[in-house]
PDB file of N, CA and C in Angstrom:
ATOM      1  N   UNK A   1       0.605  -1.181   0.366  1.00  0.00           N
ATOM      2  CA  UNK A   1       0.212   0.275  -0.122  1.00  0.00           C
ATOM      3  C   UNK A   1       1.067   0.883  -0.333  1.00  0.00           C
ATOM      4  N   UNK A   2       0.588   2.304  -0.550  1.00  0.00           N
ATOM      5  CA  UNK A   2       1.513   3.330  -0.779  1.00  0.00           C
ATOM      6  C   UNK A   2       1.423   4.560   0.422  1.00  0.00           C
ATOM      7  N   UNK A   3       1.874   5.038   0.495  1.00  0.00           N
ATOM      8  CA  UNK A   3       1.567   6.392   1.810  1.00  0.00           C
ATOM      9  C   UNK A   3       0.709   6.814   1.521  1.00  0.00           C
ATOM     10  N   UNK A   4       0.685   7.580   0.809  1.00  0.00           N
ATOM     11  CA  UNK A   4      -0.934   8.624   0.006  1.00  0.00           C
ATOM     12  C   UNK A   4      -1.603   7.752   0.507  1.00  0.00           C
ATOM     13  N   UNK A   5      -2.340   6.574   0.649  1.00  0.00           N
ATOM     14  CA  UNK A   5      -3.467   5.527   0.488  1.00  0.00           C
ATOM     15  C   UNK A   5      -3.357   5.603   2.461  1.00  0.00           C
ATOM     16  N   UNK A   6      -2.025   5.164   2.824  1.00  0.00           N
ATOM     17  CA  UNK A   6      -1.924   4.624   4.699  1.00  0.00           C
ATOM     18  C   UNK A   6      -3.061   5.961   4.945  1.00  0.00           C
ATOM     19  N   UNK A   7      -1.778   7.020   4.431  1.00  0.00           N
ATOM     20  CA  UNK A   7      -2.271   8.660   5.114  1.00  0.00           C
ATOM     21  C   UNK A   7      -4.132   8.755   4.957  1.00  0.00           C
ATOM     22  N   UNK A   8      -4.347   8.460   3.975  1.00  0.00           N
ATOM     23  CA  UNK A   8      -6.205   8.780   3.366  1.00  0.00           C
ATOM     24  C   UNK A   8      -6.908   8.392   4.381  1.00  0.00           C
ATOM     25  N   UNK A   9      -6.287   6.062   4.744  1.00  0.00           N
ATOM     26  CA  UNK A   9      -7.102   5.664   4.948  1.00  0.00           C
ATOM     27  C   UNK A   9      -7.241   5.954   6.601  1.00  0.00           C
ATOM     28  N   UNK A  10      -5.853   5.809   6.896  1.00  0.00           N
ATOM     29  CA  UNK A  10      -5.742   7.072   8.693  1.00  0.00           C
ATOM     30  C   UNK A  10      -6.811   7.963   8.496  1.00  0.00           C
ATOM     31  N   UNK A  11      -6.988   9.489   8.037  1.00  0.00           N
ATOM     32  CA  UNK A  11      -7.453  10.073   8.140  1.00  0.00           C
ATOM     33  C   UNK A  11      -9.021   9.707   8.041  1.00  0.00           C
ATOM     34  N   UNK A  12     -10.068   8.879   7.034  1.00  0.00           N
ATOM     35  CA  UNK A  12     -10.771   8.346   7.522  1.00  0.00           C
ATOM     36  C   UNK A  12     -11.029   7.600   8.498  1.00  0.00           C
ATOM     37  N   UNK A  13     -10.697   6.757   9.193  1.00  0.00           N
ATOM     38  CA  UNK A  13     -10.710   5.813  10.330  1.00  0.00           C
ATOM     39  C   UNK A  13     -10.508   7.021  11.220  1.00  0.00           C
ATOM     40  N   UNK A  14     -10.049   8.043  11.693  1.00  0.00           N
ATOM     41  CA  UNK A  14      -9.791   8.753  12.757  1.00  0.00           C
ATOM     42  C   UNK A  14     -11.932   9.801  12.627  1.00  0.00           C
ATOM     43  N   UNK A  15     -11.979  10.065  10.801  1.00  0.00           N
ATOM     44  CA  UNK A  15     -13.208  10.904  11.135  1.00  0.00           C
ATOM     45  C   UNK A  15     -14.228  10.101  11.507  1.00  0.00           C
ATOM     46  N   UNK A  16     -14.585   9.417  11.452  1.00  0.00           N
ATOM     47  CA  UNK A  16     -15.069   7.834  11.162  1.00  0.00           C
ATOM     48  C   UNK A  16     -15.809   8.377  12.711  1.00  0.00           C
ATOM     49  N   UNK A  17     -14.572   7.710  13.590  1.00  0.00           N
ATOM     50  CA  UNK A  17     -14.567   7.697  15.563  1.00  0.00           C
ATOM     51  C   UNK A  17     -14.630   9.532  15.954  1.00  0.00           C
ATOM     52  N   UNK A  18     -15.335  10.099  15.563  1.00  0.00           N
ATOM     53  CA  UNK A  18     -15.080  11.529  15.601  1.00  0.00           C
ATOM     54  C   UNK A  18     -16.868  11.521  15.365  1.00  0.00           C
ATOM     55  N   UNK A  19     -16.904  10.716  14.445  1.00  0.00           N
ATOM     56  CA  UNK A  19     -18.700  11.025  13.712  1.00  0.00           C
ATOM     57  C   UNK A  19     -18.216  11.847  12.666  1.00  0.00           C
ATOM     58  N   UNK A  20     -17.422  12.314  11.839  1.00  0.00           N
ATOM     59  CA  UNK A  20     -18.154  13.101  10.780  1.00  0.00           C
ATOM     60  C   UNK A  20     -17.893  13.073   9.005  1.00  0.00           C
ATOM     61  N   UNK A  21     -17.689  11.288   9.680  1.00  0.00           N
ATOM     62  CA  UNK A  21     -16.525   9.893   8.646  1.00  0.00           C
ATOM     63  C   UNK A  21     -18.680  10.760   7.477  1.00  0.00           C
ATOM     64  N   UNK A  22     -18.332  10.887   5.853  1.00  0.00           N
ATOM     65  CA  UNK A  22     -19.272  11.056   5.326  1.00  0.00           C
ATOM     66  C   UNK A  22     -19.753   9.350   4.869  1.00  0.00           C
ATOM     67  N   UNK A  23     -21.293   9.003   4.774  1.00  0.00           N
ATOM     68  CA  UNK A  23     -21.403   7.578   4.261  1.00  0.00           C
ATOM     69  C   UNK A  23     -22.510   7.630   3.211  1.00  0.00           C
ATOM     70  N   UNK A  24     -23.178   6.768   2.853  1.00  0.00           N
ATOM     71  CA  UNK A  24     -23.243   6.282   1.948  1.00  0.00           C
ATOM     72  C   UNK A  24     -24.920   5.422   2.380  1.00  0.00           C
ATOM     73  N   UNK A  25     -25.930   6.148   2.307  1.00  0.00           N
ATOM     74  CA  UNK A  25     -27.433   5.220   2.986  1.00  0.00           C
ATOM     75  C   UNK A  25     -28.119   5.452   2.187  1.00  0.00           C
ATOM     76  N   UNK A  26     -27.894   3.376   1.717  1.00  0.00           N
ATOM     77  CA  UNK A  26     -29.711   3.175   0.739  1.00  0.00           C
ATOM     78  C   UNK A  26     -30.493   2.525   0.957  1.00  0.00           C
ATOM     79  N   UNK A  27     -31.591   3.083   0.577  1.00  0.00           N
ATOM     80  CA  UNK A  27     -32.911   1.801   1.773  1.00  0.00           C
ATOM     81  C   UNK A  27     -34.036   1.998   0.694  1.00  0.00           C
ATOM     82  N   UNK A  28     -33.789   0.651   1.244  1.00  0.00           N
ATOM     83  CA  UNK A  28     -34.526  -0.521  -0.594  1.00  0.00           C
ATOM     84  C   UNK A  28     -36.042  -0.882   0.187  1.00  0.00           C
ATOM     85  N   UNK A  29     -37.381  -1.024  -0.725  1.00  0.00           N
ATOM     86  CA  UNK A  29     -38.844  -1.501  -0.018  1.00  0.00           C
ATOM     87  C   UNK A  29     -38.073  -2.737  -0.296  1.00  0.00           C
ATOM     88  N   UNK A  30     -37.682  -3.342  -1.270  1.00  0.00           N
ATOM     89  CA  UNK A  30     -37.978  -4.555  -1.980  1.00  0.00           C
ATOM     90  C   UNK A  30     -36.447  -5.402  -2.020  1.00  0.00           C
ATOM     91  N   UNK A  31     -35.448  -5.711  -1.128  1.00  0.00           N
ATOM     92  CA  UNK A  31     -35.954  -5.976   1.078  1.00  0.00           C
ATOM     93  C   UNK A  31     -36.083  -4.471   1.221  1.00  0.00           C
ATOM     94  N   UNK A  32     -36.322  -4.851   2.071  1.00  0.00           N
ATOM     95  CA  UNK A  32     -36.754  -3.951   2.952  1.00  0.00           C
ATOM     96  C   UNK A  32     -36.033  -3.540   3.591  1.00  0.00           C
ATOM     97  N   UNK A  33     -34.614  -3.066   3.583  1.00  0.00           N
ATOM     98  CA  UNK A  33     -33.443  -3.025   4.289  1.00  0.00           C
ATOM     99  C   UNK A  33     -32.892  -1.572   3.842  1.00  0.00           C
ATOM    100  N   UNK A  34     -31.863  -1.651   4.819  1.00  0.00           N
ATOM    101  CA  UNK A  34     -30.556  -0.134   5.150  1.00  0.00           C
ATOM    102  C   UNK A  34     -30.097  -0.638   5.049  1.00  0.00           C
ATOM    103  N   UNK A  35     -29.247   0.162   3.240  1.00  0.00           N
ATOM    104  CA  UNK A  35     -27.580  -0.717   4.312  1.00  0.00           C
ATOM    105  C   UNK A  35     -26.424   0.809   3.931  1.00  0.00           C
ATOM    106  N   UNK A  36     -25.528   0.439   4.248  1.00  0.00           N
ATOM    107  CA  UNK A  36     -24.229   1.679   4.405  1.00  0.00           C
ATOM    108  C   UNK A  36     -23.296   1.397   4.363  1.00  0.00           C
ATOM    109  N   UNK A  37     -22.858   2.380   2.832  1.00  0.00           N
ATOM    110  CA  UNK A  37     -20.700   2.281   2.700  1.00  0.00           C
ATOM    111  C   UNK A  37     -20.359   3.190   3.007  1.00  0.00           C
ATOM    112  N   UNK A  38     -19.321   3.130   3.455  1.00  0.00           N
ATOM    113  CA  UNK A  38     -18.410   3.859   3.494  1.00  0.00           C
ATOM    114  C   UNK A  38     -16.872   3.447   4.898  1.00  0.00           C
ATOM    115  N   UNK A  39     -16.592   4.486   5.249  1.00  0.00           N
ATOM    116  CA  UNK A  39     -16.705   5.679   5.509  1.00  0.00           C
ATOM    117  C   UNK A  39     -16.040   6.146   4.692  1.00  0.00           C
ATOM    118  N   UNK A  40     -16.130   7.532   4.620  1.00  0.00           N
ATOM    119  CA  UNK A  40     -15.718   8.649   3.048  1.00  0.00           C
ATOM    120  C   UNK A  40     -15.239   9.578   4.078  1.00  0.00           C
ATOM    121  N   UNK A  41     -14.219   9.861   3.586  1.00  0.00           N
ATOM    122  CA  UNK A  41     -13.538  11.910   3.823  1.00  0.00           C
ATOM    123  C   UNK A  41     -14.673  12.333   3.628  1.00  0.00           C
ATOM    124  N   UNK A  42     -14.621  12.805   2.687  1.00  0.00           N
ATOM    125  CA  UNK A  42     -15.995  13.701   2.129  1.00  0.00           C
ATOM    126  C   UNK A  42     -17.790  13.379   0.789  1.00  0.00           C
ATOM    127  N   UNK A  43     -18.292  14.672   1.138  1.00  0.00           N
ATOM    128  CA  UNK A  43     -19.744  13.540   0.356  1.00  0.00           C
ATOM    129  C   UNK A  43     -19.292  13.518  -1.313  1.00  0.00           C
ATOM    130  N   UNK A  44     -18.616  14.447  -1.216  1.00  0.00           N
ATOM    131  CA  UNK A  44     -17.435  14.078  -2.788  1.00  0.00           C
ATOM    132  C   UNK A  44     -17.956  12.638  -3.124  1.00  0.00           C
ATOM    133  N   UNK A  45     -16.631  12.243  -2.392  1.00  0.00           N
ATOM    134  CA  UNK A  45     -15.680  11.534  -2.057  1.00  0.00           C
ATOM    135  C   UNK A  45     -16.905  10.065  -2.183  1.00  0.00           C
ATOM    136  N   UNK A  46     -18.363  10.249  -1.262  1.00  0.00           N
ATOM    137  CA  UNK A  46     -19.626   9.492  -1.220  1.00  0.00           C
ATOM    138  C   UNK A  46     -19.794   9.563  -2.452  1.00  0.00           C
ATOM    139  N   UNK A  47     -20.449  10.310  -2.480  1.00  0.00           N
ATOM    140  CA  UNK A  47     -20.450  10.573  -4.341  1.00  0.00           C
ATOM    141  C   UNK A  47     -20.287   9.614  -5.485  1.00  0.00           C
ATOM    142  N   UNK A  48     -18.417   9.890  -5.709  1.00  0.00           N
ATOM    143  CA  UNK A  48     -18.591   8.843  -6.680  1.00  0.00           C
ATOM    144  C   UNK A  48     -18.673   6.894  -6.512  1.00  0.00           C
ATOM    145  N   UNK A  49     -18.448   7.005  -5.535  1.00  0.00           N
ATOM    146  CA  UNK A  49     -19.080   5.607  -5.091  1.00  0.00           C
ATOM    147  C   UNK A  49     -20.472   5.157  -5.018  1.00  0.00           C
ATOM    148  N   UNK A  50     -21.151   5.828  -4.928  1.00  0.00           N
ATOM    149  CA  UNK A  50     -22.490   5.656  -4.628  1.00  0.00           C
ATOM    150  C   UNK A  50     -23.600   5.031  -6.175  1.00  0.00           C
ATOM    151  N   UNK A  51     -22.896   5.115  -7.854  1.00  0.00           N
ATOM    152  CA  UNK A  51     -23.841   4.170  -8.714  1.00  0.00           C
ATOM    153  C   UNK A  51     -23.276   3.491  -8.620  1.00  0.00           C
ATOM    154  N   UNK A  52     -22.432   2.670  -7.946  1.00  0.00           N
ATOM    155  CA  UNK A  52     -21.625   1.475  -7.929  1.00  0.00           C
ATOM    156  C   UNK A  52     -22.492   0.251  -7.084  1.00  0.00           C
ATOM    157  N   UNK A  53     -22.210   1.133  -5.874  1.00  0.00           N
ATOM    158  CA  UNK A  53     -23.605   0.471  -4.916  1.00  0.00           C
ATOM    159  C   UNK A  53     -24.876   0.362  -5.981  1.00  0.00           C
ATOM    160  N   UNK A  54     -25.272   1.403  -5.577  1.00  0.00           N
ATOM    161  CA  UNK A  54     -27.409   1.404  -6.483  1.00  0.00           C
ATOM    162  C   UNK A  54     -26.594   0.018  -7.612  1.00  0.00           C
ATOM    163  N   UNK A  55     -26.062  -0.005  -8.556  1.00  0.00           N
ATOM    164  CA  UNK A  55     -25.551  -0.805  -9.731  1.00  0.00           C
ATOM    165  C   UNK A  55     -25.977  -2.284  -9.189  1.00  0.00           C
ATOM    166  N   UNK A  56     -24.768  -2.834  -7.423  1.00  0.00           N
ATOM    167  CA  UNK A  56     -24.978  -4.173  -6.504  1.00  0.00           C
ATOM    168  C   UNK A  56     -25.815  -4.182  -6.884  1.00  0.00           C
ATOM    169  N   UNK A  57     -26.728  -3.513  -6.054  1.00  0.00           N
ATOM    170  CA  UNK A  57     -28.284  -3.833  -5.755  1.00  0.00           C
ATOM    171  C   UNK A  57     -29.536  -3.787  -6.566  1.00  0.00           C
ATOM    172  N   UNK A  58     -28.870  -3.271  -7.564  1.00  0.00           N
ATOM    173  CA  UNK A  58     -30.217  -3.622  -8.717  1.00  0.00           C
ATOM    174  C   UNK A  58     -29.597  -5.211  -9.010  1.00  0.00           C
ATOM    175  N   UNK A  59     -27.924  -5.305  -9.236  1.00  0.00           N
ATOM    176  CA  UNK A  59     -28.495  -6.396  -9.976  1.00  0.00           C
ATOM    177  C   UNK A  59     -28.775  -7.742  -8.587  1.00  0.00           C
ATOM    178  N   UNK A  60     -29.472  -7.926  -8.122  1.00  0.00           N
ATOM    179  CA  UNK A  60     -29.430  -8.407  -6.456  1.00  0.00           C
ATOM    180  C   UNK A  60     -30.717  -8.553  -6.411  1.00  0.00           C
ATOM    181  N   UNK A  61     -31.577  -7.551  -7.545  1.00  0.00           N
ATOM    182  CA  UNK A  61     -33.037  -7.330  -7.511  1.00  0.00           C
ATOM    183  C   UNK A  61     -34.101  -6.451  -6.669  1.00  0.00           C
ATOM    184  N   UNK A  62     -32.787  -5.870  -6.178  1.00  0.00           N
ATOM    185  CA  UNK A  62     -34.012  -4.583  -5.112  1.00  0.00           C
ATOM    186  C   UNK A  62     -34.165  -3.943  -5.622  1.00  0.00           C
ATOM    187  N   UNK A  63     -36.102  -3.427  -5.198  1.00  0.00           N
ATOM    188  CA  UNK A  63     -36.266  -2.270  -5.885  1.00  0.00           C
ATOM    189  C   UNK A  63     -37.185  -1.217  -4.745  1.00  0.00           C
ATOM    190  N   UNK A  64     -37.201  -0.372  -4.939  1.00  0.00           N
ATOM    191  CA  UNK A  64     -37.039   1.060  -4.157  1.00  0.00           C
ATOM    192  C   UNK A  64     -36.343   1.391  -3.815  1.00  0.00           C
ATOM    193  N   UNK A  65     -35.402   1.430  -4.627  1.00  0.00           N
ATOM    194  CA  UNK A  65     -34.012   2.599  -3.851  1.00  0.00           C
ATOM    195  C   UNK A  65     -34.310   3.776  -3.917  1.00  0.00           C
ATOM    196  N   UNK A  66     -34.070   4.485  -2.110  1.00  0.00           N
ATOM    197  CA  UNK A  66     -33.809   5.740  -2.003  1.00  0.00           C
ATOM    198  C   UNK A  66     -31.683   5.710  -1.521  1.00  0.00           C
ATOM    199  N   UNK A  67     -31.047   6.930  -2.099  1.00  0.00           N
ATOM    200  CA  UNK A  67     -29.681   6.853  -1.511  1.00  0.00           C
ATOM    201  C   UNK A  67     -29.664   8.470  -1.025  1.00  0.00           C
ATOM    202  N   UNK A  68     -29.380   8.676   0.214  1.00  0.00           N
ATOM    203  CA  UNK A  68     -28.654   9.060   1.332  1.00  0.00           C
ATOM    204  C   UNK A  68     -27.400   9.605   1.378  1.00  0.00           C
ATOM    205  N   UNK A  69     -27.002  11.053   1.251  1.00  0.00           N
ATOM    206  CA  UNK A  69     -24.743  10.738   1.606  1.00  0.00           C
ATOM    207  C   UNK A  69     -25.430  11.586   2.930  1.00  0.00           C
ATOM    208  N   UNK A  70     -24.511  10.632   3.645  1.00  0.00           N
ATOM    209  CA  UNK A  70     -24.678  11.991   5.298  1.00  0.00           C
ATOM    210  C   UNK A  70     -23.759  11.197   5.728  1.00  0.00           C
ATOM    211  N   UNK A  71     -23.387  12.350   7.484  1.00  0.00           N
ATOM    212  CA  UNK A  71     -22.517  11.557   8.044  1.00  0.00           C
ATOM    213  C   UNK A  71     -23.671  11.115   8.966  1.00  0.00           C
ATOM    214  N   UNK A  72     -23.241  10.100   9.483  1.00  0.00           N
ATOM    215  CA  UNK A  72     -23.418   8.851  10.597  1.00  0.00           C
ATOM    216  C   UNK A  72     -22.611   8.352  11.003  1.00  0.00           C
ATOM    217  N   UNK A  73     -22.741   7.384  12.197  1.00  0.00           N
ATOM    218  CA  UNK A  73     -21.851   6.620  12.100  1.00  0.00           C
ATOM    219  C   UNK A  73     -23.161   5.217  12.942  1.00  0.00           C
ATOM    220  N   UNK A  74     -23.285   5.069  11.776  1.00  0.00           N
ATOM    221  CA  UNK A  74     -24.004   3.007  11.756  1.00  0.00           C
ATOM    222  C   UNK A  74     -23.590   2.288  13.052  1.00  0.00           C
ATOM    223  N   UNK A  75     -24.588   1.717  13.157  1.00  0.00           N
ATOM    224  CA  UNK A  75     -23.750   0.877  13.980  1.00  0.00           C
ATOM    225  C   UNK A  75     -23.943  -1.036  13.886  1.00  0.00           C
ATOM    226  N   UNK A  76     -25.142  -1.573  12.461  1.00  0.00           N
ATOM    227  CA  UNK A  76     -24.905  -2.259  11.663  1.00  0.00           C
ATOM    228  C   UNK A  76     -24.384  -1.567  10.166  1.00  0.00           C
ATOM    229  N   UNK A  77     -23.868  -2.298   9.287  1.00  0.00           N
ATOM    230  CA  UNK A  77     -23.990  -1.898   8.044  1.00  0.00           C
ATOM    231  C   UNK A  77     -24.776  -2.547   7.004  1.00  0.00           C
ATOM    232  N   UNK A  78     -25.525  -3.166   7.837  1.00  0.00           N
ATOM    233  CA  UNK A  78     -26.523  -3.516   6.943  1.00  0.00           C
ATOM    234  C   UNK A  78     -27.870  -3.545   8.514  1.00  0.00           C
ATOM    235  N   UNK A  79     -29.181  -3.182   8.412  1.00  0.00           N
ATOM    236  CA  UNK A  79     -30.476  -3.438   8.980  1.00  0.00           C
ATOM    237  C   UNK A  79     -31.501  -3.685   7.721  1.00  0.00           C
ATOM    238  N   UNK A  80     -32.380  -4.898   8.035  1.00  0.00           N
ATOM    239  CA  UNK A  80     -32.929  -5.453   8.142  1.00  0.00           C
ATOM    240  C   UNK A  80     -34.622  -5.055   8.415  1.00  0.00           C
ATOM    241  N   UNK A  81     -35.559  -4.409   7.596  1.00  0.00           N
ATOM    242  CA  UNK A  81     -36.177  -3.936   8.464  1.00  0.00           C
ATOM    243  C   UNK A  81     -37.719  -4.856   9.043  1.00  0.00           C
ATOM    244  N   UNK A  82     -37.574  -6.226   7.783  1.00  0.00           N
ATOM    245  CA  UNK A  82     -39.348  -7.125   7.933  1.00  0.00           C
ATOM    246  C   UNK A  82     -38.664  -8.183   8.960  1.00  0.00           C
ATOM    247  N   UNK A  83     -37.876  -8.385   9.617  1.00  0.00           N
ATOM    248  CA  UNK A  83     -37.460  -9.035  10.402  1.00  0.00           C
ATOM    249  C   UNK A  83     -39.172  -8.622  11.776  1.00  0.00           C
TER     250      UNK A  83
END
């Protein structure tokens, strides 16, 4: 791993611990789930990756997809609402 990548990873981890890292939150109607992807250093970086996550969920036949990019500290990366 290059030094720049190590520094970026350490900084992102620091932001996450402070609760100010950015996350992509994707809510699907079918299945009824909320998915969190991240952490990211900026909203712009999260936006760059959101399309790939949506594409993967569409490939798994997810329906009713809503995407939110915001700062948060998810306790779980996948939350199933229908359990």
